[in-house]
Amino acid sequence: MNKILFKIYLLSFFIGIAQPIWSQSPYYYYKQLGIREGLSQSKVQSVLNDHRGYLWIGTEAGLNCYDRDHLKQYLHQPGDEKTLPSNNITFIAEDSLCNLWVATMGGICLYDRENDNFRTLSNGGKPIYVASYLLVEGGVLLSGSGAIYKYAYATNKLEPLYYAQDPAYYTPFWQMIRFDDENILLNSRWHGIYSFNMRTYELKKIESFTEKNYTCIYLDSYHRLWVSVYGSGLYCYQDDKQIKHFTASNSPLTYDVIHDITERENKLWVATDGGGINIISLDDFSFTNIQQKQDDVHSFPANTIYRLYLDPANNMWAGSIRRGLVGIKGVYACSYQNVPFGNLYGLSNQTINSFFQDDDGMIWVGTDGGGINRFDPASGTFQHYPATKYEKVVSIVEYTPDELLFFSFNKGLFIFHKQTGQIRPFVLIDKNHY
């Protein structure tokens, strides 16, 4: 049998027999788009997959459009009013009429697909600064600094719903989420959390939220409010009562600074500033995570994640702070290649001759010149054994609960101790010889 096909067959079989254990830690395929691929900058602040299938990526240094083959950059050009008002992109949105909105630190604009340029919205001849948006019936809500507007489809105009008269209340609202039929929650980050009534246009600060830095708010499908506080982890509220507080010290949460939250398939995806992505079950609050692992070239490529985006095809995208955009797609299998001896994340030799799974679920792999490898399905890691480093292990069977018996090509039979990794020759004694 062809060695590569043999390897694929064996690893596929491993997945089959070990599935009850491995299903606790799903596999993901990662596609990275960074500066090397043509991205204008490595910090991704916003992502959108539009109705045509184009992927729009906003960074601190320009807007990018990915057509699945090429990346095109859009940049501000001084003196050209048909370009972006600024290169610092705060969000990208597509409304129910397929208008594409691009918010920048210099103002908000609409993309003209026919002419491939932009129209900046203005008020009194000045660009309008907007920090967040919410799609609502009949239009789009846009919130700026001390102001909330509605872009009405009926008039194609921006109508002010709330405007602070006192400059002391010119607070930018970085997030808007729908709380119920009438009320919207707004996160001003450094100035607390507010509610806005869509019927009365009344804005109120929620006095029970007294922290100084709210990095993110999110309402899940169970109508539970999740709130992240800078450096203090993640809070969960239900019916105005705190029911959970997860931190890195009291839970499996990997980092206490959280930048973004979204939901996918009854799980909460939580983007952290140094611990990758935490995935929390909304049924039992159990945790899994996706992180970059040292020496594992196939692991998630970043641990500082700024933005999460679930596209219409149910694929998750992670905007990192230093590594560009990472597409995350669940897969049903995982392949392993040869790595330097002693590396935890691969085989010591790419050719597999034999394998054996013991009663503890460990998979023992006999390689063609790299000795015995042990694969732990629970952690997804390998262990290599120096005593067998250059052995061509043709077959492996159980000898005792603590030992394996293996045949090394041209050398004979050996006993391998699973705990110590030591080997000794297996001696056959012919009693009839005496």
Protein backbone atom coordinates (compact mmCIF):
# COMPACT_ATOMS: atom_id res chain seq x y z
CA MET A 1 0.00 0.00 0.00
CA ASN A 2 1.23 3.52 -0.79
CA LYS A 3 2.76 4.97 2.40
CA ILE A 4 0.82 8.24 2.22
CA LEU A 5 -2.47 6.45 1.67
CA PHE A 6 -1.58 4.05 4.47
CA LYS A 7 -0.96 6.98 6.78
CA ILE A 8 -4.29 8.60 5.88
CA TYR A 9 -6.12 5.31 6.34
CA LEU A 10 -4.60 4.74 9.76
CA LEU A 11 -5.26 8.25 11.02
CA SER A 12 -8.84 8.10 9.74
CA PHE A 13 -9.26 4.81 11.59
CA PHE A 14 -7.86 6.42 14.73
CA ILE A 15 -10.52 9.08 14.53
CA GLY A 16 -13.21 6.44 14.17
CA ILE A 17 -12.23 4.36 17.17
CA ALA A 18 -11.44 7.30 19.40
CA GLN A 19 -14.43 9.50 18.57
CA PRO A 20 -16.14 9.30 22.02
CA ILE A 21 -13.06 10.92 23.55
CA TRP A 22 -12.16 13.31 20.74
CA SER A 23 -15.66 14.72 20.33
CA GLN A 24 -15.05 16.77 23.49
CA SER A 25 -12.51 18.87 21.58
CA PRO A 26 -13.65 19.62 18.00
CA TYR A 27 -11.22 20.17 15.17
CA TYR A 28 -10.94 23.43 13.27
CA TYR A 29 -9.35 24.47 10.02
CA TYR A 30 -7.82 27.96 9.99
CA LYS A 31 -7.42 30.25 6.99
CA GLN A 32 -5.31 33.33 7.66
CA LEU A 33 -5.39 36.61 5.73
CA GLY A 34 -2.61 38.96 6.75
CA ILE A 35 -0.20 41.50 5.36
CA ARG A 36 1.54 38.79 3.33
CA GLU A 37 -1.74 38.09 1.54
CA GLY A 38 -2.27 41.80 0.83
CA LEU A 39 -4.17 43.02 3.91
CA SER A 40 -3.59 46.74 4.49
CA GLN A 41 -2.80 46.23 8.19
CA SER A 42 -2.63 43.38 10.70
CA LYS A 43 -5.14 44.70 13.27
CA VAL A 44 -8.64 43.71 12.14
CA GLN A 45 -11.40 45.79 13.74
CA SER A 46 -14.44 44.77 11.68
CA VAL A 47 -15.55 42.06 9.24
CA LEU A 48 -18.56 41.63 6.95
CA ASN A 49 -19.54 39.07 4.34
CA ASP A 50 -21.93 40.94 2.00
CA HIS A 51 -24.84 39.56 -0.05
CA ARG A 52 -22.56 39.02 -3.07
CA GLY A 53 -20.16 36.87 -1.08
CA TYR A 54 -17.42 39.49 -0.83
CA LEU A 55 -15.59 39.66 2.48
CA TRP A 56 -14.96 43.20 3.73
CA ILE A 57 -12.21 43.68 6.32
CA GLY A 58 -11.71 46.91 8.24
CA THR A 59 -8.39 47.72 9.86
CA GLU A 60 -6.77 50.72 11.54
CA ALA A 61 -5.08 51.45 8.22
CA GLY A 62 -7.64 50.91 5.48
CA LEU A 63 -10.56 48.92 4.16
CA ASN A 64 -10.04 45.64 2.30
CA CYS A 65 -12.31 43.60 0.03
CA TYR A 66 -11.63 39.89 -0.48
CA ASP A 67 -13.32 38.11 -3.39
CA ARG A 68 -11.94 34.69 -2.31
CA ASP A 69 -9.05 35.11 -4.79
CA HIS A 70 -7.61 38.58 -4.26
CA LEU A 71 -7.53 41.35 -1.67
CA LYS A 72 -8.26 44.90 -2.81
CA GLN A 73 -7.42 47.87 -0.61
CA TYR A 74 -9.45 51.07 -0.23
CA LEU A 75 -7.65 54.02 1.33
CA HIS A 76 -8.36 57.65 2.13
CA GLN A 77 -6.98 60.04 -0.46
CA PRO A 78 -6.67 63.67 0.75
CA GLY A 79 -8.73 65.97 -1.43
CA ASP A 80 -10.77 63.16 -2.99
CA GLU A 81 -14.25 63.18 -1.46
CA LYS A 82 -15.15 59.89 -3.14
CA THR A 83 -12.62 57.96 -1.05
CA LEU A 84 -12.90 56.95 2.58
CA PRO A 85 -13.03 59.85 5.05
CA SER A 86 -10.40 58.05 7.16
CA ASN A 87 -8.36 54.85 7.06
CA ASN A 88 -9.28 53.85 10.63
CA ILE A 89 -12.36 51.63 10.16
CA THR A 90 -14.63 51.20 13.21
CA PHE A 91 -17.36 49.02 11.67
CA ILE A 92 -18.78 47.68 8.39
CA ALA A 93 -22.48 46.87 8.01
CA GLU A 94 -24.96 45.87 5.33
CA ASP A 95 -28.60 46.80 5.82
CA SER A 96 -31.75 45.05 4.59
CA LEU A 97 -31.63 47.06 1.33
CA CYS A 98 -28.04 45.86 0.78
CA ASN A 99 -26.54 49.28 1.40
CA LEU A 100 -22.96 48.89 2.56
CA TRP A 101 -22.01 51.17 5.44
CA VAL A 102 -18.42 51.90 6.39
CA ALA A 103 -17.78 53.83 9.60
CA THR A 104 -14.40 55.47 10.13
CA MET A 105 -12.87 57.70 12.75
CA GLY A 106 -13.32 60.55 10.26
CA GLY A 107 -16.99 59.94 9.46
CA ILE A 108 -19.43 57.40 8.06
CA CYS A 109 -19.96 56.68 4.39
CA LEU A 110 -21.96 54.52 1.98
CA TYR A 111 -20.24 52.40 -0.65
CA ASP A 112 -21.33 52.95 -4.25
CA ARG A 113 -20.98 49.52 -5.81
CA GLU A 114 -21.67 50.73 -9.34
CA ASN A 115 -18.86 53.28 -9.31
CA ASP A 116 -16.64 51.55 -6.74
CA ASN A 117 -16.33 54.62 -4.54
CA PHE A 118 -17.79 56.15 -1.37
CA ARG A 119 -20.25 58.88 -0.37
CA THR A 120 -19.59 60.43 3.03
CA LEU A 121 -22.66 61.51 5.00
CA SER A 122 -22.56 65.00 6.46
CA ASN A 123 -24.48 67.25 8.82
CA GLY A 124 -24.11 71.00 8.32
CA GLY A 125 -21.30 70.34 5.88
CA LYS A 126 -19.30 68.26 8.37
CA PRO A 127 -18.79 64.46 8.35
CA ILE A 128 -20.85 62.55 10.90
CA TYR A 129 -18.90 60.49 13.40
CA VAL A 130 -20.57 57.14 14.20
CA ALA A 131 -19.21 54.40 16.48
CA SER A 132 -21.88 51.65 16.30
CA TYR A 133 -25.00 50.54 14.47
CA LEU A 134 -28.14 48.42 14.87
CA LEU A 135 -30.46 47.19 12.13
CA VAL A 136 -34.08 48.05 12.99
CA GLU A 137 -37.41 48.04 11.23
CA GLY A 138 -37.48 50.65 8.48
CA GLY A 139 -33.84 51.60 8.70
CA VAL A 140 -30.57 51.62 10.58
CA LEU A 141 -29.74 53.10 13.98
CA LEU A 142 -26.37 54.84 14.15
CA SER A 143 -24.85 56.14 17.37
CA GLY A 144 -22.11 58.69 17.59
CA SER A 145 -20.71 60.91 20.31
CA GLY A 146 -23.68 61.97 22.40
CA ALA A 147 -26.02 61.33 19.48
CA ILE A 148 -28.30 58.62 18.09
CA TYR A 149 -29.54 58.78 14.50
CA LYS A 150 -31.86 56.71 12.35
CA TYR A 151 -31.26 56.31 8.65
CA ALA A 152 -34.81 55.84 7.33
CA TYR A 153 -35.31 53.83 4.15
CA ALA A 154 -38.47 55.81 3.36
CA THR A 155 -36.61 59.13 3.10
CA ASN A 156 -32.99 58.02 2.58
CA LYS A 157 -32.08 60.60 5.21
CA LEU A 158 -30.36 60.58 8.57
CA GLU A 159 -32.80 61.64 11.28
CA PRO A 160 -31.56 62.56 14.79
CA LEU A 161 -33.41 60.68 17.55
CA TYR A 162 -31.32 61.89 20.46
CA TYR A 163 -28.72 64.60 20.77
CA ALA A 164 -26.97 65.67 23.98
CA GLN A 165 -27.16 69.41 24.49
CA ASP A 166 -24.34 69.50 27.03
CA PRO A 167 -20.88 68.67 25.57
CA ALA A 168 -20.14 66.89 28.86
CA TYR A 169 -22.50 64.16 27.64
CA TYR A 170 -20.86 63.71 24.24
CA THR A 171 -20.22 60.08 25.04
CA PRO A 172 -19.45 57.69 22.15
CA PHE A 173 -21.54 54.53 22.22
CA TRP A 174 -19.36 51.69 20.97
CA GLN A 175 -22.10 49.04 20.97
CA MET A 176 -25.84 48.86 20.51
CA ILE A 177 -27.84 45.71 21.17
CA ARG A 178 -31.57 45.08 21.09
CA PHE A 179 -32.83 44.24 24.60
CA ASP A 180 -36.60 43.99 23.97
CA ASP A 181 -39.27 45.42 21.66
CA GLU A 182 -38.80 48.96 22.95
CA ASN A 183 -35.39 49.21 24.56
CA ILE A 184 -31.84 49.19 23.28
CA LEU A 185 -28.72 48.86 25.39
CA LEU A 186 -25.71 51.00 24.56
CA ASN A 187 -22.18 50.47 25.81
CA SER A 188 -20.16 53.65 26.18
CA ARG A 189 -17.22 51.62 27.52
CA TRP A 190 -15.60 54.17 29.87
CA HIS A 191 -18.83 55.91 30.88
CA GLY A 192 -21.13 53.01 31.70
CA ILE A 193 -24.07 51.25 30.07
CA TYR A 194 -27.21 53.07 28.93
CA SER A 195 -30.72 52.19 27.79
CA PHE A 196 -32.55 53.94 24.95
CA ASN A 197 -36.31 53.73 24.51
CA MET A 198 -37.28 53.56 20.83
CA ARG A 199 -40.81 54.82 21.57
CA THR A 200 -40.01 57.82 23.78
CA TYR A 201 -36.42 58.45 22.57
CA GLU A 202 -35.37 58.66 26.22
CA LEU A 203 -31.77 57.84 27.11
CA LYS A 204 -30.96 56.66 30.65
CA LYS A 205 -27.78 55.54 32.30
CA ILE A 206 -28.19 52.19 34.09
CA GLU A 207 -26.91 53.04 37.53
CA SER A 208 -26.37 49.43 38.62
CA PHE A 209 -23.42 49.14 36.24
CA THR A 210 -20.76 51.02 38.18
CA GLU A 211 -17.51 49.74 36.66
CA LYS A 212 -15.24 52.15 34.78
CA ASN A 213 -14.47 50.12 31.67
CA TYR A 214 -17.01 47.85 29.98
CA THR A 215 -15.32 46.27 26.99
CA CYS A 216 -18.29 44.35 25.60
CA ILE A 217 -21.98 43.53 26.12
CA TYR A 218 -24.02 40.74 24.51
CA LEU A 219 -27.56 39.34 24.81
CA ASP A 220 -27.73 35.60 24.16
CA SER A 221 -30.61 33.53 22.80
CA TYR A 222 -31.79 32.80 26.38
CA HIS A 223 -32.13 36.56 26.98
CA ARG A 224 -29.16 36.50 29.35
CA LEU A 225 -26.99 39.60 29.35
CA TRP A 226 -23.24 39.04 29.22
CA VAL A 227 -21.00 41.90 30.28
CA SER A 228 -17.22 42.00 30.21
CA VAL A 229 -15.27 44.36 32.44
CA TYR A 230 -11.67 45.18 31.58
CA GLY A 231 -9.40 42.92 33.64
CA SER A 232 -12.31 41.38 35.57
CA GLY A 233 -13.53 38.65 33.25
CA LEU A 234 -17.11 37.96 32.23
CA TYR A 235 -20.42 38.52 34.04
CA CYS A 236 -23.77 36.93 33.18
CA TYR A 237 -27.13 38.45 34.21
CA GLN A 238 -30.61 36.98 33.97
CA ASP A 239 -33.78 38.79 35.09
CA ASP A 240 -31.61 41.63 36.45
CA LYS A 241 -29.65 39.24 38.68
CA GLN A 242 -26.03 38.21 38.36
CA ILE A 243 -25.91 34.43 37.91
CA LYS A 244 -22.27 33.94 36.84
CA HIS A 245 -18.92 35.66 37.09
CA PHE A 246 -16.11 33.92 35.22
CA THR A 247 -12.49 34.90 35.71
CA ALA A 248 -9.18 33.26 34.88
CA SER A 249 -8.75 32.39 38.56
CA ASN A 250 -12.16 30.84 39.29
CA SER A 251 -12.97 29.17 35.96
CA PRO A 252 -11.37 27.83 32.74
CA LEU A 253 -11.54 31.34 31.23
CA THR A 254 -8.10 31.83 29.70
CA TYR A 255 -7.80 35.62 30.05
CA ASP A 256 -9.62 38.37 31.96
CA VAL A 257 -9.60 40.99 29.17
CA ILE A 258 -12.40 40.35 26.66
CA HIS A 259 -12.90 42.30 23.44
CA ASP A 260 -15.89 40.68 21.75
CA ILE A 261 -18.66 38.10 22.20
CA THR A 262 -20.94 36.32 19.75
CA GLU A 263 -23.08 33.18 19.66
CA ARG A 264 -22.91 30.14 17.41
CA GLU A 265 -24.88 26.88 17.72
CA ASN A 266 -25.85 27.37 21.36
CA LYS A 267 -22.31 28.30 22.36
CA LEU A 268 -20.89 31.66 23.35
CA TRP A 269 -17.65 32.58 21.58
CA VAL A 270 -15.51 34.95 23.66
CA ALA A 271 -12.53 36.81 22.17
CA THR A 272 -9.77 37.57 24.67
CA ASP A 273 -6.74 39.83 24.63
CA GLY A 274 -4.21 37.08 25.31
CA GLY A 275 -5.95 33.74 25.75
CA GLY A 276 -7.34 33.09 22.28
CA ILE A 277 -11.03 32.28 22.00
CA ASN A 278 -13.09 30.73 24.79
CA ILE A 279 -16.22 28.78 23.82
CA ILE A 280 -18.87 28.47 26.55
CA SER A 281 -21.82 26.11 26.36
CA LEU A 282 -25.07 27.97 26.98
CA ASP A 283 -26.58 24.78 28.41
CA ASP A 284 -24.15 23.93 31.19
CA PHE A 285 -21.54 26.74 31.05
CA SER A 286 -18.73 24.29 30.26
CA PHE A 287 -15.64 25.67 28.50
CA THR A 288 -13.44 24.77 25.56
CA ASN A 289 -10.91 27.07 23.93
CA ILE A 290 -8.97 27.76 20.77
CA GLN A 291 -5.42 28.99 21.37
CA GLN A 292 -2.06 29.31 19.72
CA LYS A 293 0.24 26.56 20.97
CA GLN A 294 3.99 26.85 20.98
CA ASP A 295 5.66 24.56 18.42
CA ASP A 296 2.31 23.57 16.89
CA VAL A 297 2.29 25.08 13.40
CA HIS A 298 -1.28 23.88 12.83
CA SER A 299 -2.76 25.51 15.92
CA PHE A 300 -4.76 28.74 15.98
CA PRO A 301 -2.34 31.46 14.80
CA ALA A 302 -3.15 34.18 17.35
CA ASN A 303 -4.05 34.67 21.01
CA THR A 304 -5.02 38.35 20.94
CA ILE A 305 -8.44 38.58 19.30
CA TYR A 306 -10.26 41.88 18.83
CA ARG A 307 -13.35 40.99 16.79
CA LEU A 308 -15.56 37.96 16.11
CA TYR A 309 -17.92 37.65 13.14
CA LEU A 310 -20.32 34.85 12.20
CA ASP A 311 -21.01 34.94 8.47
CA PRO A 312 -24.27 33.87 6.75
CA ALA A 313 -22.75 30.44 6.02
CA ASN A 314 -22.22 29.87 9.77
CA ASN A 315 -18.43 30.24 9.51
CA MET A 316 -16.65 32.09 12.29
CA TRP A 317 -14.07 34.79 11.56
CA ALA A 318 -11.65 36.18 14.12
CA GLY A 319 -10.05 39.57 13.69
CA SER A 320 -6.75 39.55 15.54
CA ILE A 321 -4.70 42.46 16.80
CA ARG A 322 -1.41 41.39 15.19
CA ARG A 323 -2.11 38.44 12.89
CA GLY A 324 -4.78 39.71 10.52
CA LEU A 325 -8.03 37.87 9.88
CA VAL A 326 -8.46 34.17 10.68
CA GLY A 327 -11.27 32.07 9.25
CA ILE A 328 -12.37 29.22 11.54
CA LYS A 329 -14.20 26.24 10.11
CA GLY A 330 -15.10 23.02 11.90
CA VAL A 331 -13.79 19.84 10.30
CA TYR A 332 -14.38 16.14 10.95
CA ALA A 333 -10.78 14.96 10.80
CA CYS A 334 -7.30 16.06 11.77
CA SER A 335 -4.06 15.05 10.08
CA TYR A 336 -0.61 14.95 11.65
CA GLN A 337 2.78 15.28 10.02
CA ASN A 338 6.31 14.57 11.11
CA VAL A 339 7.89 17.12 13.41
CA PRO A 340 11.27 17.43 15.16
CA PHE A 341 11.79 14.67 17.69
CA GLY A 342 10.26 15.63 21.04
CA ASN A 343 7.69 18.06 19.58
CA LEU A 344 4.27 17.42 21.11
CA TYR A 345 2.26 18.17 17.99
CA GLY A 346 3.22 15.57 15.43
CA LEU A 347 4.82 12.28 14.52
CA SER A 348 8.54 11.57 14.83
CA ASN A 349 8.42 9.98 11.37
CA GLN A 350 5.88 10.50 8.60
CA THR A 351 5.54 6.82 7.73
CA ILE A 352 3.36 4.64 9.97
CA ASN A 353 3.86 0.89 10.08
CA SER A 354 1.56 -0.13 12.95
CA PHE A 355 -0.62 1.08 15.76
CA PHE A 356 -2.35 -0.17 18.90
CA GLN A 357 -4.96 1.40 21.21
CA ASP A 358 -4.78 0.34 24.86
CA ASP A 359 -7.56 0.12 27.44
CA ASP A 360 -6.82 3.68 28.62
CA GLY A 361 -7.58 5.05 25.15
CA MET A 362 -3.94 5.85 24.34
CA ILE A 363 -2.91 5.18 20.75
CA TRP A 364 0.56 3.72 20.25
CA VAL A 365 2.02 4.34 16.81
CA GLY A 366 4.88 2.37 15.31
CA THR A 367 6.82 4.46 12.79
CA ASP A 368 9.31 3.54 10.09
CA GLY A 369 12.50 4.85 11.68
CA GLY A 370 11.14 7.17 14.38
CA GLY A 371 10.34 4.55 16.99
CA ILE A 372 7.18 4.44 19.07
CA ASN A 373 4.89 7.47 19.40
CA ARG A 374 2.07 7.74 21.91
CA PHE A 375 -0.96 9.83 20.94
CA ASP A 376 -3.29 11.14 23.66
CA PRO A 377 -6.73 11.78 22.08
CA ALA A 378 -7.86 13.91 25.01
CA SER A 379 -5.08 16.49 24.63
CA GLY A 380 -4.29 15.93 20.94
CA THR A 381 -0.58 15.63 21.73
CA PHE A 382 2.16 13.10 21.00
CA GLN A 383 5.00 11.73 23.06
CA HIS A 384 8.18 10.40 21.47
CA TYR A 385 10.49 7.94 23.22
CA PRO A 386 14.28 8.36 22.91
CA ALA A 387 14.95 4.67 23.64
CA THR A 388 13.11 3.78 20.42
CA LYS A 389 14.17 6.81 18.38
CA TYR A 390 15.59 5.03 15.31
CA GLU A 391 13.55 1.83 15.44
CA LYS A 392 11.41 0.65 12.52
CA VAL A 393 8.45 -0.61 14.50
CA VAL A 394 6.59 -3.11 12.35
CA SER A 395 3.97 -4.28 14.87
CA ILE A 396 2.74 -3.51 18.41
CA VAL A 397 0.65 -5.67 20.75
CA GLU A 398 -0.13 -5.65 24.46
CA TYR A 399 2.20 -7.77 26.63
CA THR A 400 1.06 -6.78 30.13
CA PRO A 401 -1.13 -3.87 31.36
CA ASP A 402 2.07 -1.81 31.76
CA GLU A 403 4.06 -3.13 28.79
CA LEU A 404 3.87 -3.47 25.04
CA LEU A 405 5.56 -6.00 22.80
CA PHE A 406 6.87 -4.66 19.49
CA PHE A 407 8.83 -6.03 16.56
CA SER A 408 11.65 -3.91 15.17
CA PHE A 409 12.60 -4.60 11.55
CA ASN A 410 15.81 -6.68 11.30
CA LYS A 411 16.28 -6.52 15.09
CA GLY A 412 13.58 -8.73 16.59
CA LEU A 413 11.16 -8.50 19.49
CA PHE A 414 11.35 -5.97 22.34
CA ILE A 415 9.35 -5.21 25.47
CA PHE A 416 8.44 -1.54 25.92
CA HIS A 417 7.43 -0.11 29.31
CA LYS A 418 4.65 2.44 28.84
CA GLN A 419 5.52 4.55 31.89
CA THR A 420 9.32 4.71 31.67
CA GLY A 421 9.70 4.42 27.91
CA GLN A 422 12.52 1.92 28.37
CA ILE A 423 12.94 -1.19 26.22
CA ARG A 424 14.52 -4.61 26.71
CA PRO A 425 14.88 -7.59 24.38
CA PHE A 426 12.19 -10.23 24.44
CA VAL A 427 14.03 -13.53 24.96
CA LEU A 428 12.52 -16.77 23.69
CA ILE A 429 13.58 -19.90 25.56
CA ASP A 430 13.18 -23.30 23.92
CA LYS A 431 12.64 -25.75 26.80
CA ASN A 432 13.14 -28.75 24.46
CA HIS A 433 16.74 -27.63 23.91
CA TYR A 434 17.70 -28.77 27.43
